Amino acid sequence: MTKIEQYIIDKIKTLRKEHCLTQLELSQKLDMSDSFISHVEAPSKRAKYNINHLNRIAEIFNCSPKDFWPDKPL
């Protein structure tokens, strides 16, 4: 996993917890498999967010997709 992938995963995980959503609930809001978020958040799994996921997650959290990215390159 790259530094940028981990950064984005961690950022979304923090938002998920701030909004009191479980991995299952966020997976369901994305219309993905029940285990999707748990696979993305698990370092041993290969699942990652794509651009469409990031856009949909931004809609769910009422923010911009760019809010998931660092201010400077990693």
C-alpha atoms as a PDB file:
ATOM      1  CA  MET A   1       0.000   0.000   0.000  1.00  0.00           C
ATOM      2  CA  THR A   2       1.327   3.457  -0.880  1.00  0.00           C
ATOM      3  CA  LYS A   3       1.529   6.407   1.510  1.00  0.00           C
ATOM      4  CA  ILE A   4      -1.206   8.278  -0.350  1.00  0.00           C
ATOM      5  CA  GLU A   5      -3.544   5.265  -0.294  1.00  0.00           C
ATOM      6  CA  GLN A   6      -3.021   4.876   3.455  1.00  0.00           C
ATOM      7  CA  TYR A   7      -3.541   8.607   4.030  1.00  0.00           C
ATOM      8  CA  ILE A   8      -6.892   8.587   2.212  1.00  0.00           C
ATOM      9  CA  ILE A   9      -8.024   5.390   3.949  1.00  0.00           C
ATOM     10  CA  ASP A  10      -7.113   6.859   7.347  1.00  0.00           C
ATOM     11  CA  LYS A  11      -8.866  10.142   6.570  1.00  0.00           C
ATOM     12  CA  ILE A  12     -12.089   8.386   5.568  1.00  0.00           C
ATOM     13  CA  LYS A  13     -11.857   6.049   8.566  1.00  0.00           C
ATOM     14  CA  THR A  14     -11.638   9.083  10.866  1.00  0.00           C
ATOM     15  CA  LEU A  15     -14.668  10.685   9.200  1.00  0.00           C
ATOM     16  CA  ARG A  16     -16.564   7.408   9.392  1.00  0.00           C
ATOM     17  CA  LYS A  17     -15.954   7.199  13.127  1.00  0.00           C
ATOM     18  CA  GLU A  18     -16.790  10.905  13.672  1.00  0.00           C
ATOM     19  CA  HIS A  19     -20.145  10.246  11.984  1.00  0.00           C
ATOM     20  CA  CYS A  20     -20.638   7.126  14.135  1.00  0.00           C
ATOM     21  CA  LEU A  21     -20.873   4.841  11.113  1.00  0.00           C
ATOM     22  CA  THR A  22     -19.715   1.247  11.229  1.00  0.00           C
ATOM     23  CA  GLN A  23     -17.784  -0.323   8.380  1.00  0.00           C
ATOM     24  CA  LEU A  24     -20.938  -2.232   7.471  1.00  0.00           C
ATOM     25  CA  GLU A  25     -23.105   0.911   7.417  1.00  0.00           C
ATOM     26  CA  LEU A  26     -20.710   2.804   5.160  1.00  0.00           C
ATOM     27  CA  SER A  27     -20.419  -0.210   2.839  1.00  0.00           C
ATOM     28  CA  GLN A  28     -24.199  -0.320   2.576  1.00  0.00           C
ATOM     29  CA  LYS A  29     -24.477   3.427   1.924  1.00  0.00           C
ATOM     30  CA  LEU A  30     -22.031   2.899  -0.966  1.00  0.00           C
ATOM     31  CA  ASP A  31     -24.097  -0.037  -2.284  1.00  0.00           C
ATOM     32  CA  MET A  32     -21.025  -2.234  -1.981  1.00  0.00           C
ATOM     33  CA  SER A  33     -20.620  -5.648  -0.391  1.00  0.00           C
ATOM     34  CA  ASP A  34     -21.026  -5.681   3.385  1.00  0.00           C
ATOM     35  CA  SER A  35     -17.306  -6.334   3.812  1.00  0.00           C
ATOM     36  CA  PHE A  36     -16.026  -3.664   1.377  1.00  0.00           C
ATOM     37  CA  ILE A  37     -14.986  -1.030   3.944  1.00  0.00           C
ATOM     38  CA  SER A  38     -13.447  -3.628   6.247  1.00  0.00           C
ATOM     39  CA  HIS A  39     -11.382  -4.881   3.305  1.00  0.00           C
ATOM     40  CA  VAL A  40     -10.271  -1.365   2.368  1.00  0.00           C
ATOM     41  CA  GLU A  41      -9.279  -0.568   5.954  1.00  0.00           C
ATOM     42  CA  ALA A  42      -7.391  -3.863   6.439  1.00  0.00           C
ATOM     43  CA  PRO A  43      -3.736  -3.530   5.368  1.00  0.00           C
ATOM     44  CA  SER A  44      -3.612  -7.221   4.433  1.00  0.00           C
ATOM     45  CA  LYS A  45      -6.381  -6.847   1.811  1.00  0.00           C
ATOM     46  CA  ARG A  46      -6.005  -5.439  -1.694  1.00  0.00           C
ATOM     47  CA  ALA A  47      -9.289  -3.496  -1.837  1.00  0.00           C
ATOM     48  CA  LYS A  48      -8.866   0.262  -2.364  1.00  0.00           C
ATOM     49  CA  TYR A  49     -11.094   3.261  -2.992  1.00  0.00           C
ATOM     50  CA  ASN A  50     -11.429   4.485  -6.559  1.00  0.00           C
ATOM     51  CA  ILE A  51     -12.434   7.950  -7.747  1.00  0.00           C
ATOM     52  CA  ASN A  52     -16.114   7.029  -7.863  1.00  0.00           C
ATOM     53  CA  HIS A  53     -15.988   5.705  -4.295  1.00  0.00           C
ATOM     54  CA  LEU A  54     -14.346   8.937  -3.119  1.00  0.00           C
ATOM     55  CA  ASN A  55     -17.001  11.032  -4.837  1.00  0.00           C
ATOM     56  CA  ARG A  56     -19.825   9.000  -3.269  1.00  0.00           C
ATOM     57  CA  ILE A  57     -18.191   9.092   0.185  1.00  0.00           C
ATOM     58  CA  ALA A  58     -17.905  12.880  -0.133  1.00  0.00           C
ATOM     59  CA  GLU A  59     -21.652  13.006  -0.846  1.00  0.00           C
ATOM     60  CA  ILE A  60     -22.353  10.859   2.218  1.00  0.00           C
ATOM     61  CA  PHE A  61     -20.210  13.059   4.475  1.00  0.00           C
ATOM     62  CA  ASN A  62     -21.336  16.293   2.778  1.00  0.00           C
ATOM     63  CA  CYS A  63     -17.801  17.381   1.926  1.00  0.00           C
ATOM     64  CA  SER A  64     -15.511  17.641  -1.077  1.00  0.00           C
ATOM     65  CA  PRO A  65     -13.517  14.673  -2.410  1.00  0.00           C
ATOM     66  CA  LYS A  66     -10.445  16.876  -2.107  1.00  0.00           C
ATOM     67  CA  ASP A  67     -10.937  16.847   1.674  1.00  0.00           C
ATOM     68  CA  PHE A  68      -9.525  13.294   1.637  1.00  0.00           C
ATOM     69  CA  TRP A  69      -6.203  14.383   0.100  1.00  0.00           C
ATOM     70  CA  PRO A  70      -3.169  15.860   1.902  1.00  0.00           C
ATOM     71  CA  ASP A  71      -2.221  19.498   1.322  1.00  0.00           C
ATOM     72  CA  LYS A  72       1.203  18.466   0.012  1.00  0.00           C
ATOM     73  CA  PRO A  73       2.512  15.400  -1.798  1.00  0.00           C
ATOM     74  CA  LEU A  74       3.592  12.532   0.452  1.00  0.00           C
END
